[in-house]
């Protein structure tokens, strides 16, 4: 009878340890998943912030301006576009900058603003 009781106790302890390990591994997996989701959310937030900052700068310095954009503002705009690291935005910015006629400048500005809003 004593041997059976010892076996039962050993088996119970082993089952309890295995169960605890499974619970701990499950919690670890959930924590890692939540950490990855938080990391992705932070990256998205940072990207949106860069796009938003560029949009505000573009509207303030280009769209709302009544005079030519200064060299310093052009540099700030260029740096802000590069900082976003988005090929689609960079390409549309290039189309805007390379526009030569008033109508094409307006059209490319509208396209750029539409793209920026949709990226956020």
PDB file of N, CA and C in Angstrom:
ATOM      1  N   UNK A   1       0.815  -1.185   0.000  1.00  0.00           N
ATOM      2  CA  UNK A   1       0.000   0.000   0.000  1.00  0.00           C
ATOM      3  C   UNK A   1       0.866   1.260   0.000  1.00  0.00           C
ATOM      4  N   UNK A   2       1.984   1.237   0.723  1.00  0.00           N
ATOM      5  CA  UNK A   2       2.862   2.388   0.774  1.00  0.00           C
ATOM      6  C   UNK A   2       3.458   2.689  -0.607  1.00  0.00           C
ATOM      7  N   UNK A   3       3.819   1.667  -1.372  1.00  0.00           N
ATOM      8  CA  UNK A   3       4.388   1.856  -2.698  1.00  0.00           C
ATOM      9  C   UNK A   3       3.363   2.518  -3.613  1.00  0.00           C
ATOM     10  N   UNK A   4       2.130   2.077  -3.543  1.00  0.00           N
ATOM     11  CA  UNK A   4       1.076   2.661  -4.360  1.00  0.00           C
ATOM     12  C   UNK A   4       0.862   4.126  -4.004  1.00  0.00           C
ATOM     13  N   UNK A   5       0.901   4.450  -2.754  1.00  0.00           N
ATOM     14  CA  UNK A   5       0.725   5.836  -2.320  1.00  0.00           C
ATOM     15  C   UNK A   5       1.877   6.715  -2.800  1.00  0.00           C
ATOM     16  N   UNK A   6       3.094   6.182  -2.748  1.00  0.00           N
ATOM     17  CA  UNK A   6       4.246   6.946  -3.213  1.00  0.00           C
ATOM     18  C   UNK A   6       4.152   7.176  -4.725  1.00  0.00           C
ATOM     19  N   UNK A   7       3.746   6.139  -5.469  1.00  0.00           N
ATOM     20  CA  UNK A   7       3.587   6.269  -6.911  1.00  0.00           C
ATOM     21  C   UNK A   7       2.509   7.304  -7.234  1.00  0.00           C
ATOM     22  N   UNK A   8       1.441   7.237  -6.535  1.00  0.00           N
ATOM     23  CA  UNK A   8       0.345   8.182  -6.756  1.00  0.00           C
ATOM     24  C   UNK A   8       0.809   9.608  -6.487  1.00  0.00           C
ATOM     25  N   UNK A   9       1.569   9.778  -5.425  1.00  0.00           N
ATOM     26  CA  UNK A   9       2.083  11.103  -5.097  1.00  0.00           C
ATOM     27  C   UNK A   9       3.055  11.582  -6.172  1.00  0.00           C
ATOM     28  N   UNK A  10       3.958  10.709  -6.619  1.00  0.00           N
ATOM     29  CA  UNK A  10       4.935  11.062  -7.646  1.00  0.00           C
ATOM     30  C   UNK A  10       4.219  11.423  -8.948  1.00  0.00           C
ATOM     31  N   UNK A  11       3.255  10.609  -9.335  1.00  0.00           N
ATOM     32  CA  UNK A  11       2.493  10.875 -10.563  1.00  0.00           C
ATOM     33  C   UNK A  11       1.730  12.183 -10.440  1.00  0.00           C
ATOM     34  N   UNK A  12       1.148  12.430  -9.302  1.00  0.00           N
ATOM     35  CA  UNK A  12       0.407  13.682  -9.078  1.00  0.00           C
ATOM     36  C   UNK A  12       1.331  14.887  -9.170  1.00  0.00           C
ATOM     37  N   UNK A  13       2.508  14.768  -8.595  1.00  0.00           N
ATOM     38  CA  UNK A  13       3.483  15.863  -8.645  1.00  0.00           C
ATOM     39  C   UNK A  13       3.942  16.097 -10.087  1.00  0.00           C
ATOM     40  N   UNK A  14       4.206  15.017 -10.812  1.00  0.00           N
ATOM     41  CA  UNK A  14       4.639  15.136 -12.210  1.00  0.00           C
ATOM     42  C   UNK A  14       3.543  15.788 -13.046  1.00  0.00           C
ATOM     43  N   UNK A  15       2.314  15.362 -12.875  1.00  0.00           N
ATOM     44  CA  UNK A  15       1.182  15.940 -13.604  1.00  0.00           C
ATOM     45  C   UNK A  15       1.035  17.425 -13.250  1.00  0.00           C
ATOM     46  N   UNK A  16       1.188  17.767 -11.992  1.00  0.00           N
ATOM     47  CA  UNK A  16       1.090  19.156 -11.562  1.00  0.00           C
ATOM     48  C   UNK A  16       2.208  19.987 -12.177  1.00  0.00           C
ATOM     49  N   UNK A  17       3.429  19.455 -12.206  1.00  0.00           N
ATOM     50  CA  UNK A  17       4.552  20.179 -12.810  1.00  0.00           C
ATOM     51  C   UNK A  17       4.346  20.367 -14.314  1.00  0.00           C
ATOM     52  N   UNK A  18       3.911  19.314 -14.984  1.00  0.00           N
ATOM     53  CA  UNK A  18       3.656  19.422 -16.423  1.00  0.00           C
ATOM     54  C   UNK A  18       2.557  20.454 -16.686  1.00  0.00           C
ATOM     55  N   UNK A  19       1.510  20.425 -15.889  1.00  0.00           N
ATOM     56  CA  UNK A  19       0.424  21.393 -16.037  1.00  0.00           C
ATOM     57  C   UNK A  19       0.933  22.813 -15.814  1.00  0.00           C
ATOM     58  N   UNK A  20       1.763  22.999 -14.806  1.00  0.00           N
ATOM     59  CA  UNK A  20       2.323  24.320 -14.523  1.00  0.00           C
ATOM     60  C   UNK A  20       3.202  24.788 -15.681  1.00  0.00           C
ATOM     61  N   UNK A  21       4.003  23.891 -16.231  1.00  0.00           N
ATOM     62  CA  UNK A  21       4.857  24.238 -17.362  1.00  0.00           C
ATOM     63  C   UNK A  21       4.014  24.637 -18.569  1.00  0.00           C
ATOM     64  N   UNK A  22       2.932  23.904 -18.821  1.00  0.00           N
ATOM     65  CA  UNK A  22       2.049  24.224 -19.943  1.00  0.00           C
ATOM     66  C   UNK A  22       1.418  25.603 -19.739  1.00  0.00           C
ATOM     67  N   UNK A  23       0.964  25.889 -18.530  1.00  0.00           N
ATOM     68  CA  UNK A  23       0.364  27.193 -18.235  1.00  0.00           C
ATOM     69  C   UNK A  23       1.399  28.313 -18.409  1.00  0.00           C
ATOM     70  N   UNK A  24       2.608  28.096 -17.919  1.00  0.00           N
ATOM     71  CA  UNK A  24       3.665  29.101 -18.039  1.00  0.00           C
ATOM     72  C   UNK A  24       4.024  29.326 -19.510  1.00  0.00           C
ATOM     73  N   UNK A  25       4.133  28.257 -20.286  1.00  0.00           N
ATOM     74  CA  UNK A  25       4.433  28.405 -21.707  1.00  0.00           C
ATOM     75  C   UNK A  25       3.300  29.133 -22.440  1.00  0.00           C
ATOM     76  N   UNK A  26       2.067  28.837 -22.066  1.00  0.00           N
ATOM     77  CA  UNK A  26       0.923  29.535 -22.648  1.00  0.00           C
ATOM     78  C   UNK A  26       0.972  31.023 -22.341  1.00  0.00           C
ATOM     79  N   UNK A  27       1.265  31.365 -21.099  1.00  0.00           N
ATOM     80  CA  UNK A  27       1.386  32.771 -20.713  1.00  0.00           C
ATOM     81  C   UNK A  27       2.540  33.451 -21.439  1.00  0.00           C
ATOM     82  N   UNK A  28       3.632  32.737 -21.608  1.00  0.00           N
ATOM     83  CA  UNK A  28       4.778  33.271 -22.330  1.00  0.00           C
ATOM     84  C   UNK A  28       4.403  33.559 -23.783  1.00  0.00           C
ATOM     85  N   UNK A  29       3.703  32.618 -24.425  1.00  0.00           N
ATOM     86  CA  UNK A  29       3.273  32.800 -25.808  1.00  0.00           C
ATOM     87  C   UNK A  29       2.347  34.007 -25.932  1.00  0.00           C
ATOM     88  N   UNK A  30       1.394  34.120 -25.030  1.00  0.00           N
ATOM     89  CA  UNK A  30       0.457  35.249 -25.054  1.00  0.00           C
ATOM     90  C   UNK A  30       1.205  36.561 -24.844  1.00  0.00           C
ATOM     91  N   UNK A  31       2.139  36.579 -23.917  1.00  0.00           N
ATOM     92  CA  UNK A  31       2.928  37.789 -23.658  1.00  0.00           C
ATOM     93  C   UNK A  31       3.750  38.185 -24.879  1.00  0.00           C
ATOM     94  N   UNK A  32       4.361  37.207 -25.533  1.00  0.00           N
ATOM     95  CA  UNK A  32       5.146  37.494 -26.740  1.00  0.00           C
ATOM     96  C   UNK A  32       4.256  38.018 -27.858  1.00  0.00           C
ATOM     97  N   UNK A  33       3.079  37.438 -28.007  1.00  0.00           N
ATOM     98  CA  UNK A  33       2.135  37.902 -29.028  1.00  0.00           C
ATOM     99  C   UNK A  33       1.698  39.338 -28.753  1.00  0.00           C
ATOM    100  N   UNK A  34       1.392  39.635 -27.501  1.00  0.00           N
ATOM    101  CA  UNK A  34       0.984  40.990 -27.139  1.00  0.00           C
ATOM    102  C   UNK A  34       2.130  41.975 -27.327  1.00  0.00           C
ATOM    103  N   UNK A  35       3.336  41.565 -27.016  1.00  0.00           N
ATOM    104  CA  UNK A  35       4.505  42.419 -27.211  1.00  0.00           C
ATOM    105  C   UNK A  35       4.714  42.719 -28.691  1.00  0.00           C
ATOM    106  N   UNK A  36       4.569  41.718 -29.533  1.00  0.00           N
ATOM    107  CA  UNK A  36       4.706  41.909 -30.978  1.00  0.00           C
ATOM    108  C   UNK A  36       3.618  42.834 -31.509  1.00  0.00           C
ATOM    109  N   UNK A  37       2.389  42.660 -31.038  1.00  0.00           N
ATOM    110  CA  UNK A  37       1.288  43.529 -31.460  1.00  0.00           C
ATOM    111  C   UNK A  37       1.538  44.965 -31.015  1.00  0.00           C
ATOM    112  N   UNK A  38       2.051  45.140 -29.814  1.00  0.00           N
ATOM    113  CA  UNK A  38       2.364  46.474 -29.303  1.00  0.00           C
ATOM    114  C   UNK A  38       3.481  47.109 -30.125  1.00  0.00           C
ATOM    115  N   UNK A  39       4.473  46.325 -30.468  1.00  0.00           N
ATOM    116  CA  UNK A  39       5.581  46.818 -31.295  1.00  0.00           C
ATOM    117  C   UNK A  39       5.059  47.275 -32.652  1.00  0.00           C
ATOM    118  N   UNK A  40       4.198  46.475 -33.278  1.00  0.00           N
ATOM    119  CA  UNK A  40       3.624  46.848 -34.573  1.00  0.00           C
ATOM    120  C   UNK A  40       2.767  48.095 -34.463  1.00  0.00           C
ATOM    121  N   UNK A  41       2.027  48.203 -33.382  1.00  0.00           N
ATOM    122  CA  UNK A  41       1.203  49.383 -33.158  1.00  0.00           C
ATOM    123  C   UNK A  41       2.069  50.629 -33.005  1.00  0.00           C
ATOM    124  N   UNK A  42       3.173  50.508 -32.300  1.00  0.00           N
ATOM    125  CA  UNK A  42       4.099  51.629 -32.121  1.00  0.00           C
ATOM    126  C   UNK A  42       4.703  52.058 -33.457  1.00  0.00           C
ATOM    127  N   UNK A  43       5.085  51.099 -34.277  1.00  0.00           N
ATOM    128  CA  UNK A  43       5.642  51.402 -35.593  1.00  0.00           C
ATOM    129  C   UNK A  43       4.598  52.131 -36.440  1.00  0.00           C
ATOM    130  N   UNK A  44       3.367  51.646 -36.400  1.00  0.00           N
ATOM    131  CA  UNK A  44       2.280  52.286 -37.149  1.00  0.00           C
ATOM    132  C   UNK A  44       2.045  53.703 -36.641  1.00  0.00           C
ATOM    133  N   UNK A  45       2.033  53.869 -35.330  1.00  0.00           N
ATOM    134  CA  UNK A  45       1.836  55.193 -34.739  1.00  0.00           C
ATOM    135  C   UNK A  45       2.944  56.150 -35.175  1.00  0.00           C
ATOM    136  N   UNK A  46       4.181  55.694 -35.133  1.00  0.00           N
ATOM    137  CA  UNK A  46       5.307  56.544 -35.517  1.00  0.00           C
ATOM    138  C   UNK A  46       5.219  56.935 -36.993  1.00  0.00           C
ATOM    139  N   UNK A  47       4.841  55.982 -37.841  1.00  0.00           N
ATOM    140  CA  UNK A  47       4.686  56.267 -39.266  1.00  0.00           C
ATOM    141  C   UNK A  47       3.572  57.287 -39.472  1.00  0.00           C
ATOM    142  N   UNK A  48       2.445  57.080 -38.820  1.00  0.00           N
ATOM    143  CA  UNK A  48       1.324  58.015 -38.943  1.00  0.00           C
ATOM    144  C   UNK A  48       1.700  59.412 -38.459  1.00  0.00           C
ATOM    145  N   UNK A  49       2.489  59.462 -37.403  1.00  0.00           N
ATOM    146  CA  UNK A  49       2.927  60.755 -36.880  1.00  0.00           C
ATOM    147  C   UNK A  49       3.815  61.479 -37.893  1.00  0.00           C
ATOM    148  N   UNK A  50       4.711  60.744 -38.548  1.00  0.00           N
ATOM    149  CA  UNK A  50       5.575  61.346 -39.561  1.00  0.00           C
ATOM    150  C   UNK A  50       4.753  61.853 -40.748  1.00  0.00           C
ATOM    151  N   UNK A  51       3.784  61.038 -41.177  1.00  0.00           N
ATOM    152  CA  UNK A  51       2.931  61.451 -42.296  1.00  0.00           C
ATOM    153  C   UNK A  51       2.110  62.674 -41.899  1.00  0.00           C
ATOM    154  N   UNK A  52       1.578  62.659 -40.695  1.00  0.00           N
ATOM    155  CA  UNK A  52       0.779  63.785 -40.205  1.00  0.00           C
ATOM    156  C   UNK A  52       1.623  65.055 -40.107  1.00  0.00           C
ATOM    157  N   UNK A  53       2.829  64.944 -39.580  1.00  0.00           N
ATOM    158  CA  UNK A  53       3.714  66.105 -39.465  1.00  0.00           C
ATOM    159  C   UNK A  53       4.065  66.674 -40.841  1.00  0.00           C
ATOM    160  N   UNK A  54       4.348  65.785 -41.794  1.00  0.00           N
ATOM    161  CA  UNK A  54       4.640  66.259 -43.148  1.00  0.00           C
ATOM    162  C   UNK A  54       3.414  66.929 -43.755  1.00  0.00           C
ATOM    163  N   UNK A  55       2.247  66.336 -43.545  1.00  0.00           N
ATOM    164  CA  UNK A  55       1.017  66.912 -44.090  1.00  0.00           C
ATOM    165  C   UNK A  55       0.791  68.313 -43.548  1.00  0.00           C
ATOM    166  N   UNK A  56       0.971  68.493 -42.245  1.00  0.00           N
ATOM    167  CA  UNK A  56       0.819  69.823 -41.642  1.00  0.00           C
ATOM    168  C   UNK A  56       1.840  70.801 -42.217  1.00  0.00           C
ATOM    169  N   UNK A  57       3.064  70.348 -42.365  1.00  0.00           N
ATOM    170  CA  UNK A  57       4.119  71.194 -42.924  1.00  0.00           C
ATOM    171  C   UNK A  57       3.800  71.558 -44.372  1.00  0.00           C
ATOM    172  N   UNK A  58       3.359  70.590 -45.152  1.00  0.00           N
ATOM    173  CA  UNK A  58       3.022  70.819 -46.557  1.00  0.00           C
ATOM    174  C   UNK A  58       1.873  71.809 -46.690  1.00  0.00           C
ATOM    175  N   UNK A  59       0.839  71.604 -45.911  1.00  0.00           N
ATOM    176  CA  UNK A  59      -0.309  72.515 -45.964  1.00  0.00           C
ATOM    177  C   UNK A  59       0.111  73.913 -45.524  1.00  0.00           C
ATOM    178  N   UNK A  60       0.841  73.999 -44.432  1.00  0.00           N
ATOM    179  CA  UNK A  60       1.232  75.305 -43.896  1.00  0.00           C
ATOM    180  C   UNK A  60       2.209  76.059 -44.768  1.00  0.00           C
ATOM    181  N   UNK A  61       3.195  75.366 -45.313  1.00  0.00           N
ATOM    182  CA  UNK A  61       4.268  76.040 -46.053  1.00  0.00           C
ATOM    183  C   UNK A  61       4.021  76.125 -47.557  1.00  0.00           C
ATOM    184  N   UNK A  62       3.171  75.237 -48.098  1.00  0.00           N
ATOM    185  CA  UNK A  62       2.957  75.230 -49.538  1.00  0.00           C
ATOM    186  C   UNK A  62       1.531  75.656 -49.887  1.00  0.00           C
ATOM    187  N   UNK A  63       0.570  74.938 -49.382  1.00  0.00           N
ATOM    188  CA  UNK A  63      -0.824  75.178 -49.758  1.00  0.00           C
ATOM    189  C   UNK A  63      -1.304  76.548 -49.266  1.00  0.00           C
ATOM    190  N   UNK A  64      -1.028  76.879 -48.020  1.00  0.00           N
ATOM    191  CA  UNK A  64      -1.538  78.113 -47.427  1.00  0.00           C
ATOM    192  C   UNK A  64      -0.637  79.331 -47.685  1.00  0.00           C
ATOM    193  N   UNK A  65       0.506  79.104 -48.270  1.00  0.00           N
ATOM    194  CA  UNK A  65       1.465  80.190 -48.494  1.00  0.00           C
ATOM    195  C   UNK A  65       1.010  81.111 -49.625  1.00  0.00           C
ATOM    196  N   UNK A  66       1.268  82.389 -49.455  1.00  0.00           N
ATOM    197  CA  UNK A  66       0.939  83.367 -50.487  1.00  0.00           C
ATOM    198  C   UNK A  66       2.189  83.796 -51.254  1.00  0.00           C
ATOM    199  N   UNK A  67       3.329  83.258 -50.848  1.00  0.00           N
ATOM    200  CA  UNK A  67       4.576  83.593 -51.523  1.00  0.00           C
ATOM    201  C   UNK A  67       5.363  82.320 -51.793  1.00  0.00           C
ATOM    202  N   UNK A  68       6.464  82.455 -52.492  1.00  0.00           N
ATOM    203  CA  UNK A  68       7.289  81.305 -52.843  1.00  0.00           C
ATOM    204  C   UNK A  68       7.810  80.604 -51.581  1.00  0.00           C
ATOM    205  N   UNK A  69       7.939  79.304 -51.673  1.00  0.00           N
ATOM    206  CA  UNK A  69       8.447  78.510 -50.548  1.00  0.00           C
ATOM    207  C   UNK A  69       9.940  78.778 -50.415  1.00  0.00           C
ATOM    208  N   UNK A  70      10.365  79.093 -49.198  1.00  0.00           N
ATOM    209  CA  UNK A  70      11.778  79.411 -48.963  1.00  0.00           C
ATOM    210  C   UNK A  70      12.647  78.164 -49.108  1.00  0.00           C
ATOM    211  N   UNK A  71      13.933  78.407 -49.313  1.00  0.00           N
ATOM    212  CA  UNK A  71      14.885  77.304 -49.444  1.00  0.00           C
ATOM    213  C   UNK A  71      14.882  76.433 -48.189  1.00  0.00           C
ATOM    214  N   UNK A  72      14.870  77.051 -47.019  1.00  0.00           N
ATOM    215  CA  UNK A  72      14.871  76.303 -45.753  1.00  0.00           C
ATOM    216  C   UNK A  72      13.622  75.433 -45.612  1.00  0.00           C
ATOM    217  N   UNK A  73      12.478  75.990 -46.031  1.00  0.00           N
ATOM    218  CA  UNK A  73      11.245  75.209 -45.971  1.00  0.00           C
ATOM    219  C   UNK A  73      11.265  74.044 -46.960  1.00  0.00           C
ATOM    220  N   UNK A  74      11.858  74.274 -48.124  1.00  0.00           N
ATOM    221  CA  UNK A  74      11.999  73.171 -49.089  1.00  0.00           C
ATOM    222  C   UNK A  74      12.846  72.047 -48.503  1.00  0.00           C
ATOM    223  N   UNK A  75      13.914  72.415 -47.844  1.00  0.00           N
ATOM    224  CA  UNK A  75      14.781  71.411 -47.211  1.00  0.00           C
ATOM    225  C   UNK A  75      14.004  70.651 -46.132  1.00  0.00           C
ATOM    226  N   UNK A  76      13.253  71.387 -45.314  1.00  0.00           N
ATOM    227  CA  UNK A  76      12.446  70.739 -44.270  1.00  0.00           C
ATOM    228  C   UNK A  76      11.433  69.777 -44.877  1.00  0.00           C
ATOM    229  N   UNK A  77      10.798  70.202 -45.971  1.00  0.00           N
ATOM    230  CA  UNK A  77       9.814  69.338 -46.641  1.00  0.00           C
ATOM    231  C   UNK A  77      10.490  68.097 -47.219  1.00  0.00           C
ATOM    232  N   UNK A  78      11.611  68.282 -47.877  1.00  0.00           N
ATOM    233  CA  UNK A  78      12.353  67.141 -48.448  1.00  0.00           C
ATOM    234  C   UNK A  78      12.777  66.156 -47.355  1.00  0.00           C
ATOM    235  N   UNK A  79      13.314  66.687 -46.274  1.00  0.00           N
ATOM    236  CA  UNK A  79      13.741  65.826 -45.166  1.00  0.00           C
ATOM    237  C   UNK A  79      12.555  65.089 -44.545  1.00  0.00           C
ATOM    238  N   UNK A  80      11.431  65.774 -44.430  1.00  0.00           N
ATOM    239  CA  UNK A  80      10.236  65.142 -43.864  1.00  0.00           C
ATOM    240  C   UNK A  80       9.746  64.020 -44.763  1.00  0.00           C
ATOM    241  N   UNK A  81       9.803  64.213 -46.070  1.00  0.00           N
ATOM    242  CA  UNK A  81       9.395  63.154 -47.009  1.00  0.00           C
ATOM    243  C   UNK A  81      10.334  61.959 -46.884  1.00  0.00           C
ATOM    244  N   UNK A  82      11.616  62.211 -46.845  1.00  0.00           N
ATOM    245  CA  UNK A  82      12.590  61.114 -46.703  1.00  0.00           C
ATOM    246  C   UNK A  82      12.415  60.372 -45.386  1.00  0.00           C
ATOM    247  N   UNK A  83      12.102  61.131 -44.340  1.00  0.00           N
ATOM    248  CA  UNK A  83      11.930  60.533 -43.009  1.00  0.00           C
ATOM    249  C   UNK A  83      10.752  59.559 -42.965  1.00  0.00           C
ATOM    250  N   UNK A  84       9.757  59.795 -43.796  1.00  0.00           N
ATOM    251  CA  UNK A  84       8.591  58.905 -43.828  1.00  0.00           C
ATOM    252  C   UNK A  84       8.980  57.531 -44.371  1.00  0.00           C
ATOM    253  N   UNK A  85       9.915  57.477 -45.298  1.00  0.00           N
ATOM    254  CA  UNK A  85      10.379  56.222 -45.901  1.00  0.00           C
ATOM    255  C   UNK A  85       9.238  55.447 -46.551  1.00  0.00           C
ATOM    256  N   UNK A  86       8.485  56.142 -47.382  1.00  0.00           N
ATOM    257  CA  UNK A  86       7.377  55.513 -48.100  1.00  0.00           C
ATOM    258  C   UNK A  86       7.563  55.840 -49.580  1.00  0.00           C
ATOM    259  N   UNK A  87       7.773  54.795 -50.382  1.00  0.00           N
ATOM    260  CA  UNK A  87       8.050  54.993 -51.802  1.00  0.00           C
ATOM    261  C   UNK A  87       6.906  55.698 -52.525  1.00  0.00           C
ATOM    262  N   UNK A  88       5.688  55.361 -52.183  1.00  0.00           N
ATOM    263  CA  UNK A  88       4.532  55.953 -52.846  1.00  0.00           C
ATOM    264  C   UNK A  88       4.444  57.465 -52.571  1.00  0.00           C
ATOM    265  N   UNK A  89       4.662  57.842 -51.311  1.00  0.00           N
ATOM    266  CA  UNK A  89       4.652  59.263 -50.956  1.00  0.00           C
ATOM    267  C   UNK A  89       5.822  59.979 -51.622  1.00  0.00           C
ATOM    268  N   UNK A  90       7.003  59.363 -51.614  1.00  0.00           N
ATOM    269  CA  UNK A  90       8.181  59.973 -52.257  1.00  0.00           C
ATOM    270  C   UNK A  90       7.943  60.184 -53.750  1.00  0.00           C
ATOM    271  N   UNK A  91       7.337  59.198 -54.389  1.00  0.00           N
ATOM    272  CA  UNK A  91       7.069  59.307 -55.822  1.00  0.00           C
ATOM    273  C   UNK A  91       6.071  60.432 -56.118  1.00  0.00           C
ATOM    274  N   UNK A  92       5.019  60.524 -55.315  1.00  0.00           N
ATOM    275  CA  UNK A  92       4.034  61.583 -55.531  1.00  0.00           C
ATOM    276  C   UNK A  92       4.639  62.950 -55.231  1.00  0.00           C
ATOM    277  N   UNK A  93       5.483  63.019 -54.208  1.00  0.00           N
ATOM    278  CA  UNK A  93       6.170  64.274 -53.892  1.00  0.00           C
ATOM    279  C   UNK A  93       7.027  64.708 -55.081  1.00  0.00           C
ATOM    280  N   UNK A  94       7.740  63.750 -55.681  1.00  0.00           N
ATOM    281  CA  UNK A  94       8.585  64.050 -56.838  1.00  0.00           C
ATOM    282  C   UNK A  94       7.733  64.566 -58.004  1.00  0.00           C
ATOM    283  N   UNK A  95       6.574  63.953 -58.217  1.00  0.00           N
ATOM    284  CA  UNK A  95       5.676  64.428 -59.279  1.00  0.00           C
ATOM    285  C   UNK A  95       5.245  65.871 -59.005  1.00  0.00           C
ATOM    286  N   UNK A  96       4.948  66.151 -57.757  1.00  0.00           N
ATOM    287  CA  UNK A  96       4.541  67.508 -57.391  1.00  0.00           C
ATOM    288  C   UNK A  96       5.680  68.495 -57.634  1.00  0.00           C
ATOM    289  N   UNK A  97       6.851  68.164 -57.158  1.00  0.00           N
ATOM    290  CA  UNK A  97       8.006  69.056 -57.269  1.00  0.00           C
ATOM    291  C   UNK A  97       8.394  69.259 -58.738  1.00  0.00           C
ATOM    292  N   UNK A  98       8.268  68.225 -59.556  1.00  0.00           N
ATOM    293  CA  UNK A  98       8.664  68.311 -60.960  1.00  0.00           C
ATOM    294  C   UNK A  98       7.597  68.946 -61.853  1.00  0.00           C
ATOM    295  N   UNK A  99       6.432  69.249 -61.307  1.00  0.00           N
ATOM    296  CA  UNK A  99       5.361  69.860 -62.098  1.00  0.00           C
ATOM    297  C   UNK A  99       5.802  71.236 -62.590  1.00  0.00           C
ATOM    298  N   UNK A 100       5.374  71.556 -63.807  1.00  0.00           N
ATOM    299  CA  UNK A 100       5.806  72.816 -64.403  1.00  0.00           C
ATOM    300  C   UNK A 100       4.670  73.812 -64.623  1.00  0.00           C
ATOM    301  N   UNK A 101       3.480  73.327 -64.883  1.00  0.00           N
ATOM    302  CA  UNK A 101       2.366  74.247 -65.119  1.00  0.00           C
ATOM    303  C   UNK A 101       1.530  74.385 -63.852  1.00  0.00           C
ATOM    304  N   UNK A 102       0.816  75.482 -63.777  1.00  0.00           N
ATOM    305  CA  UNK A 102      -0.037  75.746 -62.609  1.00  0.00           C
ATOM    306  C   UNK A 102      -1.079  74.639 -62.419  1.00  0.00           C
ATOM    307  N   UNK A 103      -1.671  74.208 -63.520  1.00  0.00           N
ATOM    308  CA  UNK A 103      -2.706  73.167 -63.408  1.00  0.00           C
ATOM    309  C   UNK A 103      -2.116  71.828 -62.967  1.00  0.00           C
ATOM    310  N   UNK A 104      -0.937  71.486 -63.463  1.00  0.00           N
ATOM    311  CA  UNK A 104      -0.318  70.220 -63.035  1.00  0.00           C
ATOM    312  C   UNK A 104       0.153  70.301 -61.583  1.00  0.00           C
ATOM    313  N   UNK A 105       0.613  71.468 -61.159  1.00  0.00           N
ATOM    314  CA  UNK A 105       1.010  71.653 -59.756  1.00  0.00           C
ATOM    315  C   UNK A 105      -0.191  71.445 -58.847  1.00  0.00           C
ATOM    316  N   UNK A 106      -1.324  72.039 -59.237  1.00  0.00           N
ATOM    317  CA  UNK A 106      -2.544  71.882 -58.432  1.00  0.00           C
ATOM    318  C   UNK A 106      -3.002  70.428 -58.408  1.00  0.00           C
ATOM    319  N   UNK A 107      -2.960  69.770 -59.548  1.00  0.00           N
ATOM    320  CA  UNK A 107      -3.407  68.371 -59.623  1.00  0.00           C
ATOM    321  C   UNK A 107      -2.504  67.467 -58.778  1.00  0.00           C
ATOM    322  N   UNK A 108      -1.207  67.662 -58.885  1.00  0.00           N
ATOM    323  CA  UNK A 108      -0.267  66.828 -58.118  1.00  0.00           C
ATOM    324  C   UNK A 108      -0.367  67.131 -56.623  1.00  0.00           C
ATOM    325  N   UNK A 109      -0.643  68.370 -56.265  1.00  0.00           N
ATOM    326  CA  UNK A 109      -0.834  68.715 -54.846  1.00  0.00           C
ATOM    327  C   UNK A 109      -2.075  68.004 -54.301  1.00  0.00           C
ATOM    328  N   UNK A 110      -3.144  67.991 -55.085  1.00  0.00           N
ATOM    329  CA  UNK A 110      -4.360  67.280 -54.653  1.00  0.00           C
ATOM    330  C   UNK A 110      -4.090  65.791 -54.493  1.00  0.00           C
ATOM    331  N   UNK A 111      -3.370  65.234 -55.456  1.00  0.00           N
ATOM    332  CA  UNK A 111      -3.035  63.798 -55.386  1.00  0.00           C
ATOM    333  C   UNK A 111      -2.169  63.500 -54.156  1.00  0.00           C
ATOM    334  N   UNK A 112      -1.214  64.385 -53.887  1.00  0.00           N
ATOM    335  CA  UNK A 112      -0.343  64.208 -52.722  1.00  0.00           C
ATOM    336  C   UNK A 112      -1.146  64.284 -51.429  1.00  0.00           C
ATOM    337  N   UNK A 113      -2.000  65.269 -51.311  1.00  0.00           N
ATOM    338  CA  UNK A 113      -2.818  65.399 -50.105  1.00  0.00           C
ATOM    339  C   UNK A 113      -3.746  64.194 -49.931  1.00  0.00           C
ATOM    340  N   UNK A 114      -4.337  63.736 -51.001  1.00  0.00           N
ATOM    341  CA  UNK A 114      -5.198  62.555 -50.945  1.00  0.00           C
ATOM    342  C   UNK A 114      -4.415  61.335 -50.472  1.00  0.00           C
ATOM    343  N   UNK A 115      -3.232  61.163 -51.031  1.00  0.00           N
ATOM    344  CA  UNK A 115      -2.381  60.041 -50.640  1.00  0.00           C
ATOM    345  C   UNK A 115      -1.993  60.134 -49.159  1.00  0.00           C
ATOM    346  N   UNK A 116      -1.611  61.311 -48.719  1.00  0.00           N
ATOM    347  CA  UNK A 116      -1.201  61.490 -47.320  1.00  0.00           C
ATOM    348  C   UNK A 116      -2.338  61.163 -46.376  1.00  0.00           C
ATOM    349  N   UNK A 117      -3.519  61.648 -46.681  1.00  0.00           N
ATOM    350  CA  UNK A 117      -4.678  61.375 -45.819  1.00  0.00           C
ATOM    351  C   UNK A 117      -4.989  59.886 -45.787  1.00  0.00           C
ATOM    352  N   UNK A 118      -4.884  59.234 -46.932  1.00  0.00           N
ATOM    353  CA  UNK A 118      -5.161  57.794 -46.982  1.00  0.00           C
ATOM    354  C   UNK A 118      -4.090  56.947 -46.309  1.00  0.00           C
ATOM    355  N   UNK A 119      -2.897  57.474 -46.185  1.00  0.00           N
ATOM    356  CA  UNK A 119      -1.803  56.730 -45.528  1.00  0.00           C
ATOM    357  C   UNK A 119      -1.934  56.735 -43.997  1.00  0.00           C
ATOM    358  N   UNK A 120      -2.631  57.722 -43.478  1.00  0.00           N
ATOM    359  CA  UNK A 120      -2.759  57.812 -42.014  1.00  0.00           C
ATOM    360  C   UNK A 120      -3.816  56.841 -41.560  1.00  0.00           C
TER     361      UNK A 120
END
